[in-house]
């Protein structure tokens, strides 16, 4: 809630409206946990499939999205990831998103 500037009530209401569900990140990120978080403990842009983190993504200065799968998610997930990358690019419509503190994995993908 702190980074949105919303109240706790607004945050809870909005999350409930999206159907978001809590997940256990230690289990969901597996051996990649340290590389996925910045120095303040914030997770970077991740790719999820069936409740697990399967990859990471970063937006370059020119706007394109680069991604890396941390595990083989299977034949159904790969095209779904590509579809979502294209959908995200269309949604952003040229808007550039810049994190304050990049995670180790995000920094490596951005080069």
PDB file of N, CA and C in Angstrom:
ATOM      1  N   UNK A   1       0.814  -1.186   0.000  1.00  0.00           N
ATOM      2  CA  UNK A   1       0.000   0.000   0.000  1.00  0.00           C
ATOM      3  C   UNK A   1       0.862   1.256   0.000  1.00  0.00           C
ATOM      4  N   UNK A   2       2.049   1.217   0.614  1.00  0.00           N
ATOM      5  CA  UNK A   2       2.861   2.429   0.759  1.00  0.00           C
ATOM      6  C   UNK A   2       3.243   3.054  -0.575  1.00  0.00           C
ATOM      7  N   UNK A   3       3.547   2.237  -1.584  1.00  0.00           N
ATOM      8  CA  UNK A   3       3.984   2.811  -2.851  1.00  0.00           C
ATOM      9  C   UNK A   3       2.844   3.330  -3.709  1.00  0.00           C
ATOM     10  N   UNK A   4       1.613   2.948  -3.405  1.00  0.00           N
ATOM     11  CA  UNK A   4       0.475   3.470  -4.156  1.00  0.00           C
ATOM     12  C   UNK A   4      -0.041   4.781  -3.573  1.00  0.00           C
ATOM     13  N   UNK A   5       0.234   4.993  -2.276  1.00  0.00           N
ATOM     14  CA  UNK A   5      -0.309   6.157  -1.601  1.00  0.00           C
ATOM     15  C   UNK A   5      -1.740   5.935  -1.132  1.00  0.00           C
ATOM     16  N   UNK A   6      -2.230   4.682  -1.247  1.00  0.00           N
ATOM     17  CA  UNK A   6      -3.590   4.362  -0.827  1.00  0.00           C
ATOM     18  C   UNK A   6      -3.648   4.096   0.670  1.00  0.00           C
ATOM     19  N   UNK A   7      -4.868   4.159   1.204  1.00  0.00           N
ATOM     20  CA  UNK A   7      -5.087   3.739   2.584  1.00  0.00           C
ATOM     21  C   UNK A   7      -5.108   2.215   2.619  1.00  0.00           C
ATOM     22  N   UNK A   8      -5.011   1.646   3.800  1.00  0.00           N
ATOM     23  CA  UNK A   8      -5.085   0.197   3.947  1.00  0.00           C
ATOM     24  C   UNK A   8      -6.450  -0.313   3.461  1.00  0.00           C
ATOM     25  N   UNK A   9      -7.500   0.418   3.764  1.00  0.00           N
ATOM     26  CA  UNK A   9      -8.849   0.027   3.314  1.00  0.00           C
ATOM     27  C   UNK A   9      -8.940   0.009   1.795  1.00  0.00           C
ATOM     28  N   UNK A  10      -8.417   1.069   1.134  1.00  0.00           N
ATOM     29  CA  UNK A  10      -8.431   1.117  -0.333  1.00  0.00           C
ATOM     30  C   UNK A  10      -7.653  -0.052  -0.924  1.00  0.00           C
ATOM     31  N   UNK A  11      -6.510  -0.342  -0.338  1.00  0.00           N
ATOM     32  CA  UNK A  11      -5.671  -1.435  -0.832  1.00  0.00           C
ATOM     33  C   UNK A  11      -6.388  -2.771  -0.697  1.00  0.00           C
ATOM     34  N   UNK A  12      -6.957  -3.032   0.461  1.00  0.00           N
ATOM     35  CA  UNK A  12      -7.684  -4.295   0.678  1.00  0.00           C
ATOM     36  C   UNK A  12      -8.881  -4.416  -0.262  1.00  0.00           C
ATOM     37  N   UNK A  13      -9.620  -3.338  -0.444  1.00  0.00           N
ATOM     38  CA  UNK A  13     -10.787  -3.346  -1.330  1.00  0.00           C
ATOM     39  C   UNK A  13     -10.375  -3.640  -2.769  1.00  0.00           C
ATOM     40  N   UNK A  14      -9.317  -2.983  -3.214  1.00  0.00           N
ATOM     41  CA  UNK A  14      -8.846  -3.166  -4.594  1.00  0.00           C
ATOM     42  C   UNK A  14      -8.343  -4.587  -4.809  1.00  0.00           C
ATOM     43  N   UNK A  15      -7.559  -5.105  -3.880  1.00  0.00           N
ATOM     44  CA  UNK A  15      -7.064  -6.479  -4.016  1.00  0.00           C
ATOM     45  C   UNK A  15      -8.209  -7.482  -4.017  1.00  0.00           C
ATOM     46  N   UNK A  16      -9.188  -7.277  -3.170  1.00  0.00           N
ATOM     47  CA  UNK A  16     -10.343  -8.188  -3.135  1.00  0.00           C
ATOM     48  C   UNK A  16     -11.094  -8.153  -4.459  1.00  0.00           C
ATOM     49  N   UNK A  17     -11.207  -6.973  -5.061  1.00  0.00           N
ATOM     50  CA  UNK A  17     -11.932  -6.837  -6.334  1.00  0.00           C
ATOM     51  C   UNK A  17     -11.222  -7.536  -7.484  1.00  0.00           C
ATOM     52  N   UNK A  18      -9.889  -7.688  -7.394  1.00  0.00           N
ATOM     53  CA  UNK A  18      -9.148  -8.339  -8.482  1.00  0.00           C
ATOM     54  C   UNK A  18      -9.181  -9.854  -8.391  1.00  0.00           C
ATOM     55  N   UNK A  19      -9.563 -10.380  -7.236  1.00  0.00           N
ATOM     56  CA  UNK A  19      -9.526 -11.830  -7.042  1.00  0.00           C
ATOM     57  C   UNK A  19      -8.134 -12.335  -6.688  1.00  0.00           C
ATOM     58  N   UNK A  20      -7.229 -11.408  -6.334  1.00  0.00           N
ATOM     59  CA  UNK A  20      -5.855 -11.788  -5.979  1.00  0.00           C
ATOM     60  C   UNK A  20      -5.863 -12.745  -4.794  1.00  0.00           C
ATOM     61  N   UNK A  21      -4.921 -13.671  -4.819  1.00  0.00           N
ATOM     62  CA  UNK A  21      -4.779 -14.640  -3.731  1.00  0.00           C
ATOM     63  C   UNK A  21      -3.365 -14.562  -3.174  1.00  0.00           C
ATOM     64  N   UNK A  22      -3.241 -14.748  -1.886  1.00  0.00           N
ATOM     65  CA  UNK A  22      -1.923 -14.744  -1.242  1.00  0.00           C
ATOM     66  C   UNK A  22      -1.149 -15.985  -1.677  1.00  0.00           C
ATOM     67  N   UNK A  23       0.148 -15.825  -1.846  1.00  0.00           N
ATOM     68  CA  UNK A  23       1.018 -16.950  -2.169  1.00  0.00           C
ATOM     69  C   UNK A  23       2.188 -16.968  -1.206  1.00  0.00           C
ATOM     70  N   UNK A  24       2.821 -18.089  -1.073  1.00  0.00           N
ATOM     71  CA  UNK A  24       3.991 -18.255  -0.225  1.00  0.00           C
ATOM     72  C   UNK A  24       5.211 -18.093  -1.110  1.00  0.00           C
ATOM     73  N   UNK A  25       5.892 -16.937  -1.035  1.00  0.00           N
ATOM     74  CA  UNK A  25       6.979 -16.648  -1.962  1.00  0.00           C
ATOM     75  C   UNK A  25       8.194 -17.538  -1.773  1.00  0.00           C
ATOM     76  N   UNK A  26       8.524 -17.916  -0.548  1.00  0.00           N
ATOM     77  CA  UNK A  26       9.681 -18.785  -0.369  1.00  0.00           C
ATOM     78  C   UNK A  26       9.517 -20.072  -1.161  1.00  0.00           C
ATOM     79  N   UNK A  27       8.320 -20.604  -1.149  1.00  0.00           N
ATOM     80  CA  UNK A  27       8.044 -21.820  -1.913  1.00  0.00           C
ATOM     81  C   UNK A  27       7.924 -21.510  -3.404  1.00  0.00           C
ATOM     82  N   UNK A  28       7.308 -20.368  -3.730  1.00  0.00           N
ATOM     83  CA  UNK A  28       7.040 -20.011  -5.116  1.00  0.00           C
ATOM     84  C   UNK A  28       8.262 -19.601  -5.910  1.00  0.00           C
ATOM     85  N   UNK A  29       9.330 -19.135  -5.239  1.00  0.00           N
ATOM     86  CA  UNK A  29      10.501 -18.677  -5.968  1.00  0.00           C
ATOM     87  C   UNK A  29      11.632 -19.696  -5.982  1.00  0.00           C
ATOM     88  N   UNK A  30      11.542 -20.693  -5.140  1.00  0.00           N
ATOM     89  CA  UNK A  30      12.542 -21.766  -5.139  1.00  0.00           C
ATOM     90  C   UNK A  30      13.957 -21.267  -4.937  1.00  0.00           C
ATOM     91  N   UNK A  31      14.912 -21.834  -5.687  1.00  0.00           N
ATOM     92  CA  UNK A  31      16.315 -21.489  -5.479  1.00  0.00           C
ATOM     93  C   UNK A  31      16.698 -20.104  -6.011  1.00  0.00           C
ATOM     94  N   UNK A  32      15.752 -19.403  -6.620  1.00  0.00           N
ATOM     95  CA  UNK A  32      16.038 -18.109  -7.242  1.00  0.00           C
ATOM     96  C   UNK A  32      15.692 -16.926  -6.342  1.00  0.00           C
ATOM     97  N   UNK A  33      15.307 -17.189  -5.104  1.00  0.00           N
ATOM     98  CA  UNK A  33      14.805 -16.147  -4.214  1.00  0.00           C
ATOM     99  C   UNK A  33      15.743 -14.949  -4.111  1.00  0.00           C
ATOM    100  N   UNK A  34      17.021 -15.166  -3.849  1.00  0.00           N
ATOM    101  CA  UNK A  34      17.952 -14.044  -3.655  1.00  0.00           C
ATOM    102  C   UNK A  34      18.081 -13.166  -4.897  1.00  0.00           C
ATOM    103  N   UNK A  35      18.042 -13.753  -6.061  1.00  0.00           N
ATOM    104  CA  UNK A  35      18.190 -12.986  -7.301  1.00  0.00           C
ATOM    105  C   UNK A  35      16.932 -12.201  -7.666  1.00  0.00           C
ATOM    106  N   UNK A  36      15.800 -12.552  -7.077  1.00  0.00           N
ATOM    107  CA  UNK A  36      14.535 -11.936  -7.463  1.00  0.00           C
ATOM    108  C   UNK A  36      14.178 -10.682  -6.666  1.00  0.00           C
ATOM    109  N   UNK A  37      14.876 -10.445  -5.554  1.00  0.00           N
ATOM    110  CA  UNK A  37      14.528  -9.340  -4.667  1.00  0.00           C
ATOM    111  C   UNK A  37      15.603  -8.269  -4.672  1.00  0.00           C
ATOM    112  N   UNK A  38      15.181  -6.994  -4.544  1.00  0.00           N
ATOM    113  CA  UNK A  38      16.150  -5.910  -4.433  1.00  0.00           C
ATOM    114  C   UNK A  38      16.686  -5.849  -3.002  1.00  0.00           C
ATOM    115  N   UNK A  39      17.551  -4.896  -2.735  1.00  0.00           N
ATOM    116  CA  UNK A  39      18.195  -4.829  -1.422  1.00  0.00           C
ATOM    117  C   UNK A  39      17.229  -4.455  -0.301  1.00  0.00           C
ATOM    118  N   UNK A  40      16.031  -3.971  -0.662  1.00  0.00           N
ATOM    119  CA  UNK A  40      15.023  -3.627   0.338  1.00  0.00           C
ATOM    120  C   UNK A  40      13.989  -4.736   0.543  1.00  0.00           C
ATOM    121  N   UNK A  41      14.159  -5.846  -0.168  1.00  0.00           N
ATOM    122  CA  UNK A  41      13.230  -6.963  -0.026  1.00  0.00           C
ATOM    123  C   UNK A  41      12.038  -6.923  -0.958  1.00  0.00           C
ATOM    124  N   UNK A  42      12.036  -6.015  -1.935  1.00  0.00           N
ATOM    125  CA  UNK A  42      10.948  -5.938  -2.908  1.00  0.00           C
ATOM    126  C   UNK A  42      11.242  -6.867  -4.079  1.00  0.00           C
ATOM    127  N   UNK A  43      10.252  -7.634  -4.474  1.00  0.00           N
ATOM    128  CA  UNK A  43      10.437  -8.537  -5.608  1.00  0.00           C
ATOM    129  C   UNK A  43      10.359  -7.736  -6.906  1.00  0.00           C
ATOM    130  N   UNK A  44      11.155  -8.121  -7.882  1.00  0.00           N
ATOM    131  CA  UNK A  44      11.142  -7.463  -9.178  1.00  0.00           C
ATOM    132  C   UNK A  44      10.057  -8.041 -10.066  1.00  0.00           C
ATOM    133  N   UNK A  45      10.024  -7.618 -11.331  1.00  0.00           N
ATOM    134  CA  UNK A  45       9.022  -8.120 -12.273  1.00  0.00           C
ATOM    135  C   UNK A  45       9.213  -9.625 -12.527  1.00  0.00           C
ATOM    136  N   UNK A  46       8.202 -10.387 -12.218  1.00  0.00           N
ATOM    137  CA  UNK A  46       8.280 -11.837 -12.336  1.00  0.00           C
ATOM    138  C   UNK A  46       7.201 -12.370 -13.264  1.00  0.00           C
ATOM    139  N   UNK A  47       7.429 -13.555 -13.765  1.00  0.00           N
ATOM    140  CA  UNK A  47       6.468 -14.274 -14.607  1.00  0.00           C
ATOM    141  C   UNK A  47       5.978 -15.464 -13.796  1.00  0.00           C
ATOM    142  N   UNK A  48       4.671 -15.553 -13.655  1.00  0.00           N
ATOM    143  CA  UNK A  48       4.052 -16.613 -12.841  1.00  0.00           C
ATOM    144  C   UNK A  48       3.267 -17.569 -13.729  1.00  0.00           C
ATOM    145  N   UNK A  49       3.258 -18.832 -13.323  1.00  0.00           N
ATOM    146  CA  UNK A  49       2.449 -19.847 -13.991  1.00  0.00           C
ATOM    147  C   UNK A  49       2.004 -20.846 -12.932  1.00  0.00           C
ATOM    148  N   UNK A  50       0.709 -21.040 -12.819  1.00  0.00           N
ATOM    149  CA  UNK A  50       0.137 -21.981 -11.855  1.00  0.00           C
ATOM    150  C   UNK A  50       0.663 -21.760 -10.436  1.00  0.00           C
ATOM    151  N   UNK A  51       0.735 -20.489 -10.030  1.00  0.00           N
ATOM    152  CA  UNK A  51       1.107 -20.168  -8.658  1.00  0.00           C
ATOM    153  C   UNK A  51       2.581 -20.205  -8.340  1.00  0.00           C
ATOM    154  N   UNK A  52       3.425 -20.335  -9.367  1.00  0.00           N
ATOM    155  CA  UNK A  52       4.868 -20.388  -9.138  1.00  0.00           C
ATOM    156  C   UNK A  52       5.576 -19.380 -10.030  1.00  0.00           C
ATOM    157  N   UNK A  53       6.664 -18.833  -9.514  1.00  0.00           N
ATOM    158  CA  UNK A  53       7.486 -17.944 -10.317  1.00  0.00           C
ATOM    159  C   UNK A  53       8.292 -18.804 -11.279  1.00  0.00           C
ATOM    160  N   UNK A  54       8.117 -18.541 -12.579  1.00  0.00           N
ATOM    161  CA  UNK A  54       8.846 -19.330 -13.578  1.00  0.00           C
ATOM    162  C   UNK A  54       9.846 -18.490 -14.363  1.00  0.00           C
ATOM    163  N   UNK A  55       9.793 -17.161 -14.182  1.00  0.00           N
ATOM    164  CA  UNK A  55      10.703 -16.316 -14.943  1.00  0.00           C
ATOM    165  C   UNK A  55      10.710 -14.885 -14.466  1.00  0.00           C
ATOM    166  N   UNK A  56      11.526 -14.098 -15.140  1.00  0.00           N
ATOM    167  CA  UNK A  56      11.663 -12.677 -14.840  1.00  0.00           C
ATOM    168  C   UNK A  56      11.572 -11.890 -16.137  1.00  0.00           C
ATOM    169  N   UNK A  57      11.274 -10.602 -16.025  1.00  0.00           N
ATOM    170  CA  UNK A  57      11.244  -9.755 -17.204  1.00  0.00           C
ATOM    171  C   UNK A  57      11.739  -8.368 -16.839  1.00  0.00           C
ATOM    172  N   UNK A  58      12.161  -7.635 -17.857  1.00  0.00           N
ATOM    173  CA  UNK A  58      12.643  -6.274 -17.681  1.00  0.00           C
ATOM    174  C   UNK A  58      12.259  -5.474 -18.919  1.00  0.00           C
ATOM    175  N   UNK A  59      11.987  -4.207 -18.712  1.00  0.00           N
ATOM    176  CA  UNK A  59      11.706  -3.323 -19.837  1.00  0.00           C
ATOM    177  C   UNK A  59      12.963  -2.502 -20.112  1.00  0.00           C
ATOM    178  N   UNK A  60      13.431  -2.535 -21.338  1.00  0.00           N
ATOM    179  CA  UNK A  60      14.618  -1.785 -21.739  1.00  0.00           C
ATOM    180  C   UNK A  60      14.278  -0.322 -21.983  1.00  0.00           C
ATOM    181  N   UNK A  61      15.318   0.506 -22.097  1.00  0.00           N
ATOM    182  CA  UNK A  61      15.139   1.948 -22.316  1.00  0.00           C
ATOM    183  C   UNK A  61      14.319   2.244 -23.571  1.00  0.00           C
ATOM    184  N   UNK A  62      14.437   1.391 -24.587  1.00  0.00           N
ATOM    185  CA  UNK A  62      13.672   1.616 -25.819  1.00  0.00           C
ATOM    186  C   UNK A  62      12.242   1.083 -25.735  1.00  0.00           C
ATOM    187  N   UNK A  63      11.890   0.502 -24.573  1.00  0.00           N
ATOM    188  CA  UNK A  63      10.521   0.046 -24.345  1.00  0.00           C
ATOM    189  C   UNK A  63      10.281  -1.431 -24.534  1.00  0.00           C
ATOM    190  N   UNK A  64      11.180  -2.137 -25.262  1.00  0.00           N
ATOM    191  CA  UNK A  64      10.908  -3.565 -25.482  1.00  0.00           C
ATOM    192  C   UNK A  64      11.096  -4.343 -24.177  1.00  0.00           C
ATOM    193  N   UNK A  65      10.471  -5.500 -24.100  1.00  0.00           N
ATOM    194  CA  UNK A  65      10.534  -6.345 -22.907  1.00  0.00           C
ATOM    195  C   UNK A  65      11.404  -7.558 -23.196  1.00  0.00           C
ATOM    196  N   UNK A  66      12.361  -7.774 -22.324  1.00  0.00           N
ATOM    197  CA  UNK A  66      13.211  -8.963 -22.381  1.00  0.00           C
ATOM    198  C   UNK A  66      12.803  -9.849 -21.208  1.00  0.00           C
ATOM    199  N   UNK A  67      12.773 -11.153 -21.430  1.00  0.00           N
ATOM    200  CA  UNK A  67      12.417 -12.056 -20.330  1.00  0.00           C
ATOM    201  C   UNK A  67      13.347 -13.259 -20.315  1.00  0.00           C
ATOM    202  N   UNK A  68      13.362 -13.920 -19.183  1.00  0.00           N
ATOM    203  CA  UNK A  68      14.172 -15.127 -19.006  1.00  0.00           C
ATOM    204  C   UNK A  68      13.373 -16.091 -18.143  1.00  0.00           C
ATOM    205  N   UNK A  69      13.211 -17.311 -18.629  1.00  0.00           N
ATOM    206  CA  UNK A  69      12.526 -18.332 -17.845  1.00  0.00           C
ATOM    207  C   UNK A  69      13.539 -19.013 -16.934  1.00  0.00           C
ATOM    208  N   UNK A  70      13.216 -19.111 -15.658  1.00  0.00           N
ATOM    209  CA  UNK A  70      14.105 -19.701 -14.661  1.00  0.00           C
ATOM    210  C   UNK A  70      13.994 -21.221 -14.627  1.00  0.00           C
ATOM    211  N   UNK A  71      12.927 -21.724 -15.193  1.00  0.00           N
ATOM    212  CA  UNK A  71      12.655 -23.154 -15.212  1.00  0.00           C
ATOM    213  C   UNK A  71      11.863 -23.464 -16.476  1.00  0.00           C
ATOM    214  N   UNK A  72      11.811 -24.706 -16.872  1.00  0.00           N
ATOM    215  CA  UNK A  72      10.993 -25.083 -18.025  1.00  0.00           C
ATOM    216  C   UNK A  72       9.550 -25.217 -17.553  1.00  0.00           C
ATOM    217  N   UNK A  73       8.692 -24.288 -17.964  1.00  0.00           N
ATOM    218  CA  UNK A  73       7.313 -24.306 -17.471  1.00  0.00           C
ATOM    219  C   UNK A  73       6.390 -25.257 -18.223  1.00  0.00           C
ATOM    220  N   UNK A  74       6.877 -25.842 -19.309  1.00  0.00           N
ATOM    221  CA  UNK A  74       6.043 -26.742 -20.087  1.00  0.00           C
ATOM    222  C   UNK A  74       5.505 -26.080 -21.345  1.00  0.00           C
ATOM    223  N   UNK A  75       4.957 -26.895 -22.210  1.00  0.00           N
ATOM    224  CA  UNK A  75       4.561 -26.433 -23.543  1.00  0.00           C
ATOM    225  C   UNK A  75       3.384 -25.468 -23.535  1.00  0.00           C
ATOM    226  N   UNK A  76       2.507 -25.535 -22.538  1.00  0.00           N
ATOM    227  CA  UNK A  76       1.371 -24.607 -22.494  1.00  0.00           C
ATOM    228  C   UNK A  76       1.791 -23.225 -22.005  1.00  0.00           C
ATOM    229  N   UNK A  77       2.771 -23.169 -21.119  1.00  0.00           N
ATOM    230  CA  UNK A  77       3.169 -21.889 -20.519  1.00  0.00           C
ATOM    231  C   UNK A  77       3.954 -21.019 -21.487  1.00  0.00           C
ATOM    232  N   UNK A  78       4.830 -21.604 -22.280  1.00  0.00           N
ATOM    233  CA  UNK A  78       5.702 -20.793 -23.147  1.00  0.00           C
ATOM    234  C   UNK A  78       4.915 -19.863 -24.072  1.00  0.00           C
ATOM    235  N   UNK A  79       3.924 -20.359 -24.821  1.00  0.00           N
ATOM    236  CA  UNK A  79       3.159 -19.426 -25.673  1.00  0.00           C
ATOM    237  C   UNK A  79       2.317 -18.449 -24.844  1.00  0.00           C
ATOM    238  N   UNK A  80       1.872 -18.859 -23.668  1.00  0.00           N
ATOM    239  CA  UNK A  80       1.104 -17.954 -22.809  1.00  0.00           C
ATOM    240  C   UNK A  80       1.982 -16.795 -22.345  1.00  0.00           C
ATOM    241  N   UNK A  81       3.238 -17.064 -22.034  1.00  0.00           N
ATOM    242  CA  UNK A  81       4.178 -16.016 -21.633  1.00  0.00           C
ATOM    243  C   UNK A  81       4.364 -15.031 -22.790  1.00  0.00           C
ATOM    244  N   UNK A  82       4.595 -15.535 -23.996  1.00  0.00           N
ATOM    245  CA  UNK A  82       4.770 -14.660 -25.161  1.00  0.00           C
ATOM    246  C   UNK A  82       3.530 -13.797 -25.393  1.00  0.00           C
ATOM    247  N   UNK A  83       2.365 -14.379 -25.251  1.00  0.00           N
ATOM    248  CA  UNK A  83       1.114 -13.636 -25.425  1.00  0.00           C
ATOM    249  C   UNK A  83       1.020 -12.511 -24.405  1.00  0.00           C
ATOM    250  N   UNK A  84       1.362 -12.815 -23.156  1.00  0.00           N
ATOM    251  CA  UNK A  84       1.280 -11.797 -22.107  1.00  0.00           C
ATOM    252  C   UNK A  84       2.315 -10.693 -22.293  1.00  0.00           C
ATOM    253  N   UNK A  85       3.476 -11.020 -22.809  1.00  0.00           N
ATOM    254  CA  UNK A  85       4.483  -9.991 -23.089  1.00  0.00           C
ATOM    255  C   UNK A  85       3.942  -9.023 -24.138  1.00  0.00           C
ATOM    256  N   UNK A  86       3.351  -9.547 -25.197  1.00  0.00           N
ATOM    257  CA  UNK A  86       2.775  -8.693 -26.236  1.00  0.00           C
ATOM    258  C   UNK A  86       1.594  -7.872 -25.699  1.00  0.00           C
ATOM    259  N   UNK A  87       0.789  -8.494 -24.840  1.00  0.00           N
ATOM    260  CA  UNK A  87      -0.347  -7.793 -24.239  1.00  0.00           C
ATOM    261  C   UNK A  87       0.146  -6.664 -23.327  1.00  0.00           C
ATOM    262  N   UNK A  88       1.219  -6.918 -22.582  1.00  0.00           N
ATOM    263  CA  UNK A  88       1.786  -5.901 -21.692  1.00  0.00           C
ATOM    264  C   UNK A  88       2.351  -4.736 -22.489  1.00  0.00           C
ATOM    265  N   UNK A  89       3.055  -5.051 -23.579  1.00  0.00           N
ATOM    266  CA  UNK A  89       3.582  -3.979 -24.440  1.00  0.00           C
ATOM    267  C   UNK A  89       2.456  -3.122 -25.001  1.00  0.00           C
ATOM    268  N   UNK A  90       1.372  -3.747 -25.426  1.00  0.00           N
ATOM    269  CA  UNK A  90       0.226  -2.995 -25.953  1.00  0.00           C
ATOM    270  C   UNK A  90      -0.403  -2.141 -24.850  1.00  0.00           C
ATOM    271  N   UNK A  91      -0.517  -2.704 -23.653  1.00  0.00           N
ATOM    272  CA  UNK A  91      -1.092  -1.972 -22.530  1.00  0.00           C
ATOM    273  C   UNK A  91      -0.230  -0.758 -22.179  1.00  0.00           C
ATOM    274  N   UNK A  92       1.093  -0.939 -22.141  1.00  0.00           N
ATOM    275  CA  UNK A  92       1.998   0.155 -21.800  1.00  0.00           C
ATOM    276  C   UNK A  92       1.996   1.240 -22.877  1.00  0.00           C
ATOM    277  N   UNK A  93       1.797   0.844 -24.123  1.00  0.00           N
ATOM    278  CA  UNK A  93       1.654   1.783 -25.240  1.00  0.00           C
ATOM    279  C   UNK A  93       2.742   2.863 -25.240  1.00  0.00           C
ATOM    280  N   UNK A  94       3.988   2.414 -25.089  1.00  0.00           N
ATOM    281  CA  UNK A  94       5.108   3.346 -25.124  1.00  0.00           C
ATOM    282  C   UNK A  94       5.510   3.906 -23.772  1.00  0.00           C
ATOM    283  N   UNK A  95       4.698   3.678 -22.746  1.00  0.00           N
ATOM    284  CA  UNK A  95       5.053   4.135 -21.403  1.00  0.00           C
ATOM    285  C   UNK A  95       6.235   3.332 -20.897  1.00  0.00           C
ATOM    286  N   UNK A  96       7.155   3.982 -20.291  1.00  0.00           N
ATOM    287  CA  UNK A  96       8.357   3.337 -19.764  1.00  0.00           C
ATOM    288  C   UNK A  96       8.220   3.203 -18.256  1.00  0.00           C
ATOM    289  N   UNK A  97       8.391   2.002 -17.726  1.00  0.00           N
ATOM    290  CA  UNK A  97       8.315   1.734 -16.295  1.00  0.00           C
ATOM    291  C   UNK A  97       9.736   1.517 -15.786  1.00  0.00           C
ATOM    292  N   UNK A  98      10.144   2.322 -14.811  1.00  0.00           N
ATOM    293  CA  UNK A  98      11.509   2.239 -14.301  1.00  0.00           C
ATOM    294  C   UNK A  98      11.499   1.984 -12.797  1.00  0.00           C
ATOM    295  N   UNK A  99      11.939   0.819 -12.360  1.00  0.00           N
ATOM    296  CA  UNK A  99      12.006   0.548 -10.919  1.00  0.00           C
ATOM    297  C   UNK A  99      13.076   1.416 -10.251  1.00  0.00           C
ATOM    298  N   UNK A 100      12.834   1.779  -9.011  1.00  0.00           N
ATOM    299  CA  UNK A 100      13.831   2.566  -8.256  1.00  0.00           C
ATOM    300  C   UNK A 100      15.091   1.747  -8.004  1.00  0.00           C
ATOM    301  N   UNK A 101      14.908   0.504  -7.598  1.00  0.00           N
ATOM    302  CA  UNK A 101      16.030  -0.381  -7.293  1.00  0.00           C
ATOM    303  C   UNK A 101      15.826  -1.683  -8.048  1.00  0.00           C
ATOM    304  N   UNK A 102      16.709  -1.975  -8.946  1.00  0.00           N
ATOM    305  CA  UNK A 102      16.578  -3.208  -9.733  1.00  0.00           C
ATOM    306  C   UNK A 102      17.117  -4.402  -8.956  1.00  0.00           C
ATOM    307  N   UNK A 103      16.502  -5.536  -9.201  1.00  0.00           N
ATOM    308  CA  UNK A 103      16.974  -6.782  -8.591  1.00  0.00           C
ATOM    309  C   UNK A 103      18.206  -7.260  -9.355  1.00  0.00           C
ATOM    310  N   UNK A 104      18.999  -8.166  -8.766  1.00  0.00           N
ATOM    311  CA  UNK A 104      20.166  -8.694  -9.489  1.00  0.00           C
ATOM    312  C   UNK A 104      19.789  -9.298 -10.843  1.00  0.00           C
ATOM    313  N   UNK A 105      18.725 -10.062 -10.893  1.00  0.00           N
ATOM    314  CA  UNK A 105      18.316 -10.688 -12.151  1.00  0.00           C
ATOM    315  C   UNK A 105      17.858  -9.657 -13.165  1.00  0.00           C
ATOM    316  N   UNK A 106      17.152  -8.656 -12.702  1.00  0.00           N
ATOM    317  CA  UNK A 106      16.669  -7.600 -13.589  1.00  0.00           C
ATOM    318  C   UNK A 106      17.848  -6.835 -14.206  1.00  0.00           C
ATOM    319  N   UNK A 107      18.851  -6.532 -13.387  1.00  0.00           N
ATOM    320  CA  UNK A 107      20.036  -5.828 -13.899  1.00  0.00           C
ATOM    321  C   UNK A 107      20.730  -6.643 -14.979  1.00  0.00           C
ATOM    322  N   UNK A 108      20.828  -7.957 -14.782  1.00  0.00           N
ATOM    323  CA  UNK A 108      21.507  -8.780 -15.785  1.00  0.00           C
ATOM    324  C   UNK A 108      20.719  -8.850 -17.088  1.00  0.00           C
ATOM    325  N   UNK A 109      19.405  -8.836 -17.024  1.00  0.00           N
ATOM    326  CA  UNK A 109      18.570  -8.873 -18.225  1.00  0.00           C
ATOM    327  C   UNK A 109      18.566  -7.545 -18.978  1.00  0.00           C
ATOM    328  N   UNK A 110      18.815  -6.459 -18.264  1.00  0.00           N
ATOM    329  CA  UNK A 110      18.738  -5.130 -18.862  1.00  0.00           C
ATOM    330  C   UNK A 110      19.961  -4.790 -19.713  1.00  0.00           C
ATOM    331  N   UNK A 111      21.011  -5.590 -19.619  1.00  0.00           N
ATOM    332  CA  UNK A 111      22.241  -5.287 -20.375  1.00  0.00           C
ATOM    333  C   UNK A 111      22.215  -5.915 -21.731  1.00  0.00           C
TER     334      UNK A 111
END
